[in-house]
Amino acid sequence: MSLKGIRLKSSQVSVICSAFRSCFLENDHLWLFGSRADLSKKGGDIDLYAETSLDVDEVLSAKLLFARKLFLEFDERKIDIVIRYKDAKEIPIYKQAIASGVQII
């Protein structure tokens, strides 16, 4: 995992990765995108994009658990989580998150 090009501390990235691994599947992937993946910006919420092999019936529970773990670790910092799950229809935010983001898992 490379932390170049992102505006989070390595300890924060570790917390995010650990929470993600505890909620999603081993082969799932996670990106940081938005203002925290742009060194020219300041402040901002934490935007995360995940790709998972979970199906629609499982993804909501995993996302809620992941969001809860992050909320407890980051207090009240705003965190947005976009998840592309198994068989999801393609929407523009998926491509944008990958193109502008940094893969952390």
PDB file of N, CA and C in Angstrom:
ATOM      1  N   MET A   1       0.845  -1.176   0.000  1.00  0.00           N
ATOM      2  CA  MET A   1       0.000   0.000   0.000  1.00  0.00           C
ATOM      3  C   MET A   1       0.889   1.236   0.000  1.00  0.00           C
ATOM      4  N   SER A   2       0.656   2.127  -0.950  1.00  0.00           N
ATOM      5  CA  SER A   2       1.413   3.370  -1.032  1.00  0.00           C
ATOM      6  C   SER A   2       0.559   4.512  -0.503  1.00  0.00           C
ATOM      7  N   LEU A   3       1.141   5.301   0.369  1.00  0.00           N
ATOM      8  CA  LEU A   3       0.427   6.443   0.928  1.00  0.00           C
ATOM      9  C   LEU A   3       0.763   7.724   0.189  1.00  0.00           C
ATOM     10  N   LYS A   4       1.563   7.623  -0.874  1.00  0.00           N
ATOM     11  CA  LYS A   4       1.889   8.802  -1.671  1.00  0.00           C
ATOM     12  C   LYS A   4       0.625   9.325  -2.335  1.00  0.00           C
ATOM     13  N   GLY A   5       0.471  10.617  -2.299  1.00  0.00           N
ATOM     14  CA  GLY A   5      -0.647  11.231  -2.996  1.00  0.00           C
ATOM     15  C   GLY A   5      -1.932  11.291  -2.204  1.00  0.00           C
ATOM     16  N   ILE A   6      -1.887  10.949  -0.927  1.00  0.00           N
ATOM     17  CA  ILE A   6      -3.108  11.047  -0.127  1.00  0.00           C
ATOM     18  C   ILE A   6      -2.877  11.904   1.113  1.00  0.00           C
ATOM     19  N   ARG A   7      -3.956  12.481   1.589  1.00  0.00           N
ATOM     20  CA  ARG A   7      -3.887  13.346   2.758  1.00  0.00           C
ATOM     21  C   ARG A   7      -4.547  12.688   3.971  1.00  0.00           C
ATOM     22  N   LEU A   8      -3.992  11.567   4.367  1.00  0.00           N
ATOM     23  CA  LEU A   8      -4.362  10.879   5.604  1.00  0.00           C
ATOM     24  C   LEU A   8      -3.085  10.356   6.234  1.00  0.00           C
ATOM     25  N   LYS A   9      -3.066  10.264   7.544  1.00  0.00           N
ATOM     26  CA  LYS A   9      -1.927   9.678   8.243  1.00  0.00           C
ATOM     27  C   LYS A   9      -1.938   8.166   8.029  1.00  0.00           C
ATOM     28  N   SER A  10      -0.756   7.560   8.116  1.00  0.00           N
ATOM     29  CA  SER A  10      -0.677   6.108   7.942  1.00  0.00           C
ATOM     30  C   SER A  10      -1.516   5.390   9.000  1.00  0.00           C
ATOM     31  N   SER A  11      -1.606   5.947  10.197  1.00  0.00           N
ATOM     32  CA  SER A  11      -2.421   5.331  11.247  1.00  0.00           C
ATOM     33  C   SER A  11      -3.909   5.365  10.878  1.00  0.00           C
ATOM     34  N   GLN A  12      -4.336   6.426  10.218  1.00  0.00           N
ATOM     35  CA  GLN A  12      -5.731   6.516   9.792  1.00  0.00           C
ATOM     36  C   GLN A  12      -6.021   5.507   8.683  1.00  0.00           C
ATOM     37  N   VAL A  13      -5.089   5.365   7.751  1.00  0.00           N
ATOM     38  CA  VAL A  13      -5.255   4.397   6.669  1.00  0.00           C
ATOM     39  C   VAL A  13      -5.297   2.982   7.246  1.00  0.00           C
ATOM     40  N   SER A  14      -4.468   2.715   8.245  1.00  0.00           N
ATOM     41  CA  SER A  14      -4.465   1.391   8.884  1.00  0.00           C
ATOM     42  C   SER A  14      -5.804   1.082   9.533  1.00  0.00           C
ATOM     43  N   VAL A  15      -6.387   2.066  10.194  1.00  0.00           N
ATOM     44  CA  VAL A  15      -7.703   1.880  10.825  1.00  0.00           C
ATOM     45  C   VAL A  15      -8.747   1.575   9.763  1.00  0.00           C
ATOM     46  N   ILE A  16      -8.729   2.337   8.669  1.00  0.00           N
ATOM     47  CA  ILE A  16      -9.691   2.130   7.587  1.00  0.00           C
ATOM     48  C   ILE A  16      -9.532   0.732   6.993  1.00  0.00           C
ATOM     49  N   CYS A  17      -8.299   0.338   6.714  1.00  0.00           N
ATOM     50  CA  CYS A  17      -8.039  -0.980   6.118  1.00  0.00           C
ATOM     51  C   CYS A  17      -8.448  -2.115   7.050  1.00  0.00           C
ATOM     52  N   SER A  18      -8.147  -1.971   8.314  1.00  0.00           N
ATOM     53  CA  SER A  18      -8.507  -3.000   9.285  1.00  0.00           C
ATOM     54  C   SER A  18     -10.030  -3.150   9.382  1.00  0.00           C
ATOM     55  N   ALA A  19     -10.721  -2.035   9.439  1.00  0.00           N
ATOM     56  CA  ALA A  19     -12.183  -2.075   9.508  1.00  0.00           C
ATOM     57  C   ALA A  19     -12.761  -2.707   8.242  1.00  0.00           C
ATOM     58  N   PHE A  20     -12.200  -2.346   7.090  1.00  0.00           N
ATOM     59  CA  PHE A  20     -12.674  -2.894   5.826  1.00  0.00           C
ATOM     60  C   PHE A  20     -12.482  -4.408   5.786  1.00  0.00           C
ATOM     61  N   ARG A  21     -11.305  -4.860   6.158  1.00  0.00           N
ATOM     62  CA  ARG A  21     -11.000  -6.301   6.143  1.00  0.00           C
ATOM     63  C   ARG A  21     -11.918  -7.085   7.082  1.00  0.00           C
ATOM     64  N   SER A  22     -12.335  -6.473   8.161  1.00  0.00           N
ATOM     65  CA  SER A  22     -13.200  -7.183   9.106  1.00  0.00           C
ATOM     66  C   SER A  22     -14.662  -7.245   8.640  1.00  0.00           C
ATOM     67  N   CYS A  23     -15.009  -6.456   7.629  1.00  0.00           N
ATOM     68  CA  CYS A  23     -16.401  -6.393   7.184  1.00  0.00           C
ATOM     69  C   CYS A  23     -16.640  -6.982   5.792  1.00  0.00           C
ATOM     70  N   PHE A  24     -15.584  -7.031   4.984  1.00  0.00           N
ATOM     71  CA  PHE A  24     -15.726  -7.461   3.599  1.00  0.00           C
ATOM     72  C   PHE A  24     -14.889  -8.705   3.328  1.00  0.00           C
ATOM     73  N   LEU A  25     -14.909  -9.154   2.096  1.00  0.00           N
ATOM     74  CA  LEU A  25     -14.233 -10.385   1.710  1.00  0.00           C
ATOM     75  C   LEU A  25     -12.745 -10.157   1.454  1.00  0.00           C
ATOM     76  N   GLU A  26     -11.985 -11.213   1.541  1.00  0.00           N
ATOM     77  CA  GLU A  26     -10.527 -11.155   1.408  1.00  0.00           C
ATOM     78  C   GLU A  26     -10.068 -10.552   0.079  1.00  0.00           C
ATOM     79  N   ASN A  27     -10.766 -10.828  -0.999  1.00  0.00           N
ATOM     80  CA  ASN A  27     -10.362 -10.346  -2.322  1.00  0.00           C
ATOM     81  C   ASN A  27     -11.032  -9.042  -2.737  1.00  0.00           C
ATOM     82  N   ASP A  28     -11.751  -8.393  -1.831  1.00  0.00           N
ATOM     83  CA  ASP A  28     -12.386  -7.112  -2.133  1.00  0.00           C
ATOM     84  C   ASP A  28     -11.343  -5.995  -2.099  1.00  0.00           C
ATOM     85  N   HIS A  29     -11.660  -4.878  -2.748  1.00  0.00           N
ATOM     86  CA  HIS A  29     -10.697  -3.784  -2.888  1.00  0.00           C
ATOM     87  C   HIS A  29     -11.295  -2.462  -2.416  1.00  0.00           C
ATOM     88  N   LEU A  30     -10.398  -1.540  -2.008  1.00  0.00           N
ATOM     89  CA  LEU A  30     -10.818  -0.257  -1.450  1.00  0.00           C
ATOM     90  C   LEU A  30      -9.930   0.862  -1.975  1.00  0.00           C
ATOM     91  N   TRP A  31     -10.563   1.971  -2.355  1.00  0.00           N
ATOM     92  CA  TRP A  31      -9.873   3.166  -2.814  1.00  0.00           C
ATOM     93  C   TRP A  31     -10.262   4.361  -1.949  1.00  0.00           C
ATOM     94  N   LEU A  32      -9.336   5.259  -1.778  1.00  0.00           N
ATOM     95  CA  LEU A  32      -9.594   6.581  -1.222  1.00  0.00           C
ATOM     96  C   LEU A  32      -9.667   7.516  -2.414  1.00  0.00           C
ATOM     97  N   PHE A  33     -10.717   8.326  -2.500  1.00  0.00           N
ATOM     98  CA  PHE A  33     -10.835   9.254  -3.621  1.00  0.00           C
ATOM     99  C   PHE A  33     -11.358  10.591  -3.104  1.00  0.00           C
ATOM    100  N   GLY A  34     -11.589  11.517  -3.982  1.00  0.00           N
ATOM    101  CA  GLY A  34     -12.068  12.835  -3.584  1.00  0.00           C
ATOM    102  C   GLY A  34     -10.927  13.704  -3.081  1.00  0.00           C
ATOM    103  N   SER A  35     -11.247  14.666  -2.248  1.00  0.00           N
ATOM    104  CA  SER A  35     -10.260  15.660  -1.819  1.00  0.00           C
ATOM    105  C   SER A  35      -9.103  15.064  -1.019  1.00  0.00           C
ATOM    106  N   ARG A  36      -9.323  13.970  -0.329  1.00  0.00           N
ATOM    107  CA  ARG A  36      -8.234  13.356   0.455  1.00  0.00           C
ATOM    108  C   ARG A  36      -7.216  12.629  -0.428  1.00  0.00           C
ATOM    109  N   ALA A  37      -7.560  12.437  -1.701  1.00  0.00           N
ATOM    110  CA  ALA A  37      -6.628  11.833  -2.653  1.00  0.00           C
ATOM    111  C   ALA A  37      -6.060  12.886  -3.602  1.00  0.00           C
ATOM    112  N   ASP A  38      -6.116  14.146  -3.159  1.00  0.00           N
ATOM    113  CA  ASP A  38      -5.617  15.267  -3.966  1.00  0.00           C
ATOM    114  C   ASP A  38      -4.775  16.167  -3.069  1.00  0.00           C
ATOM    115  N   LEU A  39      -3.471  16.142  -3.289  1.00  0.00           N
ATOM    116  CA  LEU A  39      -2.556  16.897  -2.433  1.00  0.00           C
ATOM    117  C   LEU A  39      -2.728  18.406  -2.546  1.00  0.00           C
ATOM    118  N   SER A  40      -3.392  18.884  -3.581  1.00  0.00           N
ATOM    119  CA  SER A  40      -3.576  20.321  -3.748  1.00  0.00           C
ATOM    120  C   SER A  40      -4.768  20.862  -2.962  1.00  0.00           C
ATOM    121  N   LYS A  41      -5.559  19.985  -2.383  1.00  0.00           N
ATOM    122  CA  LYS A  41      -6.758  20.402  -1.640  1.00  0.00           C
ATOM    123  C   LYS A  41      -6.477  20.436  -0.143  1.00  0.00           C
ATOM    124  N   LYS A  42      -7.390  21.023   0.594  1.00  0.00           N
ATOM    125  CA  LYS A  42      -7.303  21.063   2.058  1.00  0.00           C
ATOM    126  C   LYS A  42      -8.630  20.594   2.641  1.00  0.00           C
ATOM    127  N   GLY A  43      -8.557  20.073   3.877  1.00  0.00           N
ATOM    128  CA  GLY A  43      -9.779  19.664   4.566  1.00  0.00           C
ATOM    129  C   GLY A  43     -10.520  18.579   3.825  1.00  0.00           C
ATOM    130  N   GLY A  44     -11.814  18.537   4.037  1.00  0.00           N
ATOM    131  CA  GLY A  44     -12.658  17.602   3.304  1.00  0.00           C
ATOM    132  C   GLY A  44     -12.997  16.344   4.073  1.00  0.00           C
ATOM    133  N   ASP A  45     -14.050  15.725   3.615  1.00  0.00           N
ATOM    134  CA  ASP A  45     -14.470  14.461   4.199  1.00  0.00           C
ATOM    135  C   ASP A  45     -13.603  13.339   3.645  1.00  0.00           C
ATOM    136  N   ILE A  46     -13.863  12.142   4.096  1.00  0.00           N
ATOM    137  CA  ILE A  46     -13.144  10.966   3.627  1.00  0.00           C
ATOM    138  C   ILE A  46     -14.084  10.201   2.702  1.00  0.00           C
ATOM    139  N   ASP A  47     -13.682  10.086   1.435  1.00  0.00           N
ATOM    140  CA  ASP A  47     -14.488   9.383   0.446  1.00  0.00           C
ATOM    141  C   ASP A  47     -13.831   8.043   0.145  1.00  0.00           C
ATOM    142  N   LEU A  48     -14.591   6.978   0.304  1.00  0.00           N
ATOM    143  CA  LEU A  48     -14.085   5.627   0.076  1.00  0.00           C
ATOM    144  C   LEU A  48     -14.931   4.933  -0.980  1.00  0.00           C
ATOM    145  N   TYR A  49     -14.255   4.199  -1.851  1.00  0.00           N
ATOM    146  CA  TYR A  49     -14.926   3.408  -2.880  1.00  0.00           C
ATOM    147  C   TYR A  49     -14.461   1.966  -2.732  1.00  0.00           C
ATOM    148  N   ALA A  50     -15.419   1.052  -2.660  1.00  0.00           N
ATOM    149  CA  ALA A  50     -15.100  -0.365  -2.487  1.00  0.00           C
ATOM    150  C   ALA A  50     -15.713  -1.176  -3.618  1.00  0.00           C
ATOM    151  N   GLU A  51     -14.995  -2.229  -3.994  1.00  0.00           N
ATOM    152  CA  GLU A  51     -15.538  -3.224  -4.906  1.00  0.00           C
ATOM    153  C   GLU A  51     -15.571  -4.543  -4.151  1.00  0.00           C
ATOM    154  N   THR A  52     -16.736  -5.161  -4.118  1.00  0.00           N
ATOM    155  CA  THR A  52     -16.907  -6.391  -3.365  1.00  0.00           C
ATOM    156  C   THR A  52     -17.608  -7.456  -4.192  1.00  0.00           C
ATOM    157  N   SER A  53     -17.349  -8.692  -3.848  1.00  0.00           N
ATOM    158  CA  SER A  53     -18.027  -9.830  -4.464  1.00  0.00           C
ATOM    159  C   SER A  53     -19.304 -10.201  -3.724  1.00  0.00           C
ATOM    160  N   LEU A  54     -19.603  -9.464  -2.669  1.00  0.00           N
ATOM    161  CA  LEU A  54     -20.854  -9.704  -1.953  1.00  0.00           C
ATOM    162  C   LEU A  54     -22.037  -9.391  -2.865  1.00  0.00           C
ATOM    163  N   ASP A  55     -23.143 -10.085  -2.639  1.00  0.00           N
ATOM    164  CA  ASP A  55     -24.325  -9.758  -3.428  1.00  0.00           C
ATOM    165  C   ASP A  55     -25.157  -8.710  -2.696  1.00  0.00           C
ATOM    166  N   VAL A  56     -26.175  -8.259  -3.344  1.00  0.00           N
ATOM    167  CA  VAL A  56     -26.985  -7.151  -2.821  1.00  0.00           C
ATOM    168  C   VAL A  56     -27.565  -7.466  -1.436  1.00  0.00           C
ATOM    169  N   ASP A  57     -27.876  -8.717  -1.171  1.00  0.00           N
ATOM    170  CA  ASP A  57     -28.456  -9.079   0.119  1.00  0.00           C
ATOM    171  C   ASP A  57     -27.449  -8.994   1.263  1.00  0.00           C
ATOM    172  N   GLU A  58     -26.160  -9.089   0.952  1.00  0.00           N
ATOM    173  CA  GLU A  58     -25.130  -9.070   1.985  1.00  0.00           C
ATOM    174  C   GLU A  58     -24.439  -7.719   2.133  1.00  0.00           C
ATOM    175  N   VAL A  59     -24.455  -6.925   1.079  1.00  0.00           N
ATOM    176  CA  VAL A  59     -23.642  -5.710   1.062  1.00  0.00           C
ATOM    177  C   VAL A  59     -24.134  -4.653   2.047  1.00  0.00           C
ATOM    178  N   LEU A  60     -25.418  -4.539   2.265  1.00  0.00           N
ATOM    179  CA  LEU A  60     -25.924  -3.517   3.171  1.00  0.00           C
ATOM    180  C   LEU A  60     -25.431  -3.745   4.598  1.00  0.00           C
ATOM    181  N   SER A  61     -25.485  -4.975   5.054  1.00  0.00           N
ATOM    182  CA  SER A  61     -24.996  -5.284   6.407  1.00  0.00           C
ATOM    183  C   SER A  61     -23.508  -4.985   6.534  1.00  0.00           C
ATOM    184  N   ALA A  62     -22.736  -5.366   5.525  1.00  0.00           N
ATOM    185  CA  ALA A  62     -21.290  -5.121   5.556  1.00  0.00           C
ATOM    186  C   ALA A  62     -20.994  -3.625   5.555  1.00  0.00           C
ATOM    187  N   LYS A  63     -21.716  -2.870   4.728  1.00  0.00           N
ATOM    188  CA  LYS A  63     -21.496  -1.420   4.652  1.00  0.00           C
ATOM    189  C   LYS A  63     -21.849  -0.741   5.970  1.00  0.00           C
ATOM    190  N   LEU A  64     -22.946  -1.132   6.574  1.00  0.00           N
ATOM    191  CA  LEU A  64     -23.340  -0.532   7.849  1.00  0.00           C
ATOM    192  C   LEU A  64     -22.339  -0.839   8.956  1.00  0.00           C
ATOM    193  N   LEU A  65     -21.848  -2.054   8.998  1.00  0.00           N
ATOM    194  CA  LEU A  65     -20.847  -2.424   9.997  1.00  0.00           C
ATOM    195  C   LEU A  65     -19.551  -1.643   9.769  1.00  0.00           C
ATOM    196  N   PHE A  66     -19.123  -1.536   8.516  1.00  0.00           N
ATOM    197  CA  PHE A  66     -17.926  -0.777   8.156  1.00  0.00           C
ATOM    198  C   PHE A  66     -18.092   0.699   8.562  1.00  0.00           C
ATOM    199  N   ALA A  67     -19.219   1.285   8.224  1.00  0.00           N
ATOM    200  CA  ALA A  67     -19.482   2.689   8.566  1.00  0.00           C
ATOM    201  C   ALA A  67     -19.488   2.893  10.080  1.00  0.00           C
ATOM    202  N   ARG A  68     -20.050   1.959  10.816  1.00  0.00           N
ATOM    203  CA  ARG A  68     -20.089   2.061  12.277  1.00  0.00           C
ATOM    204  C   ARG A  68     -18.676   2.033  12.862  1.00  0.00           C
ATOM    205  N   LYS A  69     -17.851   1.118  12.375  1.00  0.00           N
ATOM    206  CA  LYS A  69     -16.476   1.021  12.870  1.00  0.00           C
ATOM    207  C   LYS A  69     -15.709   2.305  12.586  1.00  0.00           C
ATOM    208  N   LEU A  70     -15.896   2.869  11.390  1.00  0.00           N
ATOM    209  CA  LEU A  70     -15.210   4.118  11.058  1.00  0.00           C
ATOM    210  C   LEU A  70     -15.727   5.278  11.886  1.00  0.00           C
ATOM    211  N   PHE A  71     -17.031   5.324  12.111  1.00  0.00           N
ATOM    212  CA  PHE A  71     -17.620   6.379  12.929  1.00  0.00           C
ATOM    213  C   PHE A  71     -17.037   6.363  14.337  1.00  0.00           C
ATOM    214  N   LEU A  72     -16.878   5.173  14.903  1.00  0.00           N
ATOM    215  CA  LEU A  72     -16.326   5.059  16.251  1.00  0.00           C
ATOM    216  C   LEU A  72     -14.860   5.485  16.303  1.00  0.00           C
ATOM    217  N   GLU A  73     -14.117   5.249  15.249  1.00  0.00           N
ATOM    218  CA  GLU A  73     -12.697   5.594  15.209  1.00  0.00           C
ATOM    219  C   GLU A  73     -12.432   7.057  14.848  1.00  0.00           C
ATOM    220  N   PHE A  74     -13.270   7.616  13.991  1.00  0.00           N
ATOM    221  CA  PHE A  74     -13.033   8.968  13.478  1.00  0.00           C
ATOM    222  C   PHE A  74     -13.988   9.996  14.074  1.00  0.00           C
ATOM    223  N   ASP A  75     -14.612   9.671  15.173  1.00  0.00           N
ATOM    224  CA  ASP A  75     -15.565  10.569  15.838  1.00  0.00           C
ATOM    225  C   ASP A  75     -16.651  10.967  14.855  1.00  0.00           C
ATOM    226  N   GLU A  76     -16.811  12.255  14.641  1.00  0.00           N
ATOM    227  CA  GLU A  76     -17.914  12.699  13.790  1.00  0.00           C
ATOM    228  C   GLU A  76     -17.448  13.210  12.434  1.00  0.00           C
ATOM    229  N   ARG A  77     -16.249  12.827  12.011  1.00  0.00           N
ATOM    230  CA  ARG A  77     -15.768  13.220  10.686  1.00  0.00           C
ATOM    231  C   ARG A  77     -16.664  12.578   9.632  1.00  0.00           C
ATOM    232  N   LYS A  78     -17.027  13.361   8.624  1.00  0.00           N
ATOM    233  CA  LYS A  78     -17.898  12.858   7.573  1.00  0.00           C
ATOM    234  C   LYS A  78     -17.143  11.859   6.699  1.00  0.00           C
ATOM    235  N   ILE A  79     -17.717  10.684   6.527  1.00  0.00           N
ATOM    236  CA  ILE A  79     -17.131   9.640   5.699  1.00  0.00           C
ATOM    237  C   ILE A  79     -18.205   9.145   4.739  1.00  0.00           C
ATOM    238  N   ASP A  80     -17.900   9.223   3.453  1.00  0.00           N
ATOM    239  CA  ASP A  80     -18.807   8.725   2.418  1.00  0.00           C
ATOM    240  C   ASP A  80     -18.265   7.406   1.901  1.00  0.00           C
ATOM    241  N   ILE A  81     -19.147   6.421   1.765  1.00  0.00           N
ATOM    242  CA  ILE A  81     -18.747   5.097   1.302  1.00  0.00           C
ATOM    243  C   ILE A  81     -19.596   4.720   0.098  1.00  0.00           C
ATOM    244  N   VAL A  82     -18.926   4.508  -1.032  1.00  0.00           N
ATOM    245  CA  VAL A  82     -19.581   4.053  -2.258  1.00  0.00           C
ATOM    246  C   VAL A  82     -19.142   2.614  -2.475  1.00  0.00           C
ATOM    247  N   ILE A  83     -20.110   1.733  -2.699  1.00  0.00           N
ATOM    248  CA  ILE A  83     -19.777   0.319  -2.856  1.00  0.00           C
ATOM    249  C   ILE A  83     -20.358  -0.227  -4.155  1.00  0.00           C
ATOM    250  N   ARG A  84     -19.473  -0.824  -4.933  1.00  0.00           N
ATOM    251  CA  ARG A  84     -19.907  -1.566  -6.119  1.00  0.00           C
ATOM    252  C   ARG A  84     -19.938  -3.035  -5.724  1.00  0.00           C
ATOM    253  N   TYR A  85     -21.127  -3.584  -5.699  1.00  0.00           N
ATOM    254  CA  TYR A  85     -21.298  -4.969  -5.279  1.00  0.00           C
ATOM    255  C   TYR A  85     -21.533  -5.858  -6.496  1.00  0.00           C
ATOM    256  N   LYS A  86     -21.514  -7.142  -6.252  1.00  0.00           N
ATOM    257  CA  LYS A  86     -21.711  -8.147  -7.301  1.00  0.00           C
ATOM    258  C   LYS A  86     -22.992  -7.839  -8.087  1.00  0.00           C
ATOM    259  N   ASP A  87     -22.868  -7.813  -9.395  1.00  0.00           N
ATOM    260  CA  ASP A  87     -23.992  -7.600 -10.316  1.00  0.00           C
ATOM    261  C   ASP A  87     -24.594  -6.192 -10.262  1.00  0.00           C
ATOM    262  N   ALA A  88     -23.890  -5.225  -9.675  1.00  0.00           N
ATOM    263  CA  ALA A  88     -24.396  -3.849  -9.647  1.00  0.00           C
ATOM    264  C   ALA A  88     -24.316  -3.247 -11.043  1.00  0.00           C
ATOM    265  N   LYS A  89     -25.261  -2.385 -11.369  1.00  0.00           N
ATOM    266  CA  LYS A  89     -25.218  -1.681 -12.649  1.00  0.00           C
ATOM    267  C   LYS A  89     -24.124  -0.623 -12.586  1.00  0.00           C
ATOM    268  N   GLU A  90     -23.493  -0.391 -13.717  1.00  0.00           N
ATOM    269  CA  GLU A  90     -22.418   0.595 -13.816  1.00  0.00           C
ATOM    270  C   GLU A  90     -22.990   2.007 -13.655  1.00  0.00           C
ATOM    271  N   ILE A  91     -22.374   2.795 -12.776  1.00  0.00           N
ATOM    272  CA  ILE A  91     -22.725   4.209 -12.640  1.00  0.00           C
ATOM    273  C   ILE A  91     -21.428   5.017 -12.696  1.00  0.00           C
ATOM    274  N   PRO A  92     -21.490   6.272 -13.121  1.00  0.00           N
ATOM    275  CA  PRO A  92     -20.279   7.072 -13.340  1.00  0.00           C
ATOM    276  C   PRO A  92     -19.348   7.203 -12.134  1.00  0.00           C
ATOM    277  N   ILE A  93     -19.862   7.218 -10.937  1.00  0.00           N
ATOM    278  CA  ILE A  93     -19.004   7.404  -9.758  1.00  0.00           C
ATOM    279  C   ILE A  93     -17.989   6.273  -9.615  1.00  0.00           C
ATOM    280  N   TYR A  94     -18.316   5.085 -10.084  1.00  0.00           N
ATOM    281  CA  TYR A  94     -17.378   3.964  -9.991  1.00  0.00           C
ATOM    282  C   TYR A  94     -16.103   4.263 -10.773  1.00  0.00           C
ATOM    283  N   LYS A  95     -16.256   4.669 -12.022  1.00  0.00           N
ATOM    284  CA  LYS A  95     -15.098   4.988 -12.857  1.00  0.00           C
ATOM    285  C   LYS A  95     -14.346   6.202 -12.325  1.00  0.00           C
ATOM    286  N   GLN A  96     -15.082   7.198 -11.875  1.00  0.00           N
ATOM    287  CA  GLN A  96     -14.459   8.420 -11.345  1.00  0.00           C
ATOM    288  C   GLN A  96     -13.625   8.115 -10.117  1.00  0.00           C
ATOM    289  N   ALA A  97     -14.123   7.283  -9.218  1.00  0.00           N
ATOM    290  CA  ALA A  97     -13.406   6.950  -7.990  1.00  0.00           C
ATOM    291  C   ALA A  97     -12.094   6.220  -8.299  1.00  0.00           C
ATOM    292  N   ILE A  98     -12.121   5.313  -9.239  1.00  0.00           N
ATOM    293  CA  ILE A  98     -10.910   4.576  -9.602  1.00  0.00           C
ATOM    294  C   ILE A  98      -9.923   5.489 -10.317  1.00  0.00           C
ATOM    295  N   ALA A  99     -10.426   6.314 -11.241  1.00  0.00           N
ATOM    296  CA  ALA A  99      -9.549   7.178 -12.032  1.00  0.00           C
ATOM    297  C   ALA A  99      -8.847   8.234 -11.174  1.00  0.00           C
ATOM    298  N   SER A 100      -9.559   8.776 -10.205  1.00  0.00           N
ATOM    299  CA  SER A 100      -9.002   9.865  -9.399  1.00  0.00           C
ATOM    300  C   SER A 100      -8.497   9.412  -8.036  1.00  0.00           C
ATOM    301  N   GLY A 101      -8.760   8.168  -7.697  1.00  0.00           N
ATOM    302  CA  GLY A 101      -8.449   7.685  -6.352  1.00  0.00           C
ATOM    303  C   GLY A 101      -7.120   6.952  -6.250  1.00  0.00           C
ATOM    304  N   VAL A 102      -6.851   6.551  -5.007  1.00  0.00           N
ATOM    305  CA  VAL A 102      -5.660   5.780  -4.685  1.00  0.00           C
ATOM    306  C   VAL A 102      -6.116   4.484  -4.032  1.00  0.00           C
ATOM    307  N   GLN A 103      -5.748   3.354  -4.622  1.00  0.00           N
ATOM    308  CA  GLN A 103      -6.147   2.067  -4.059  1.00  0.00           C
ATOM    309  C   GLN A 103      -5.349   1.820  -2.792  1.00  0.00           C
ATOM    310  N   ILE A 104      -6.056   1.551  -1.704  1.00  0.00           N
ATOM    311  CA  ILE A 104      -5.385   1.282  -0.424  1.00  0.00           C
ATOM    312  C   ILE A 104      -5.480  -0.191  -0.027  1.00  0.00           C
ATOM    313  N   ILE A 105      -6.366  -0.924  -0.662  1.00  0.00           N
ATOM    314  CA  ILE A 105      -6.462  -2.394  -0.492  1.00  0.00           C
ATOM    315  C   ILE A 105      -6.748  -2.983  -1.857  1.00  0.00           C
TER     316      ILE A 105
END
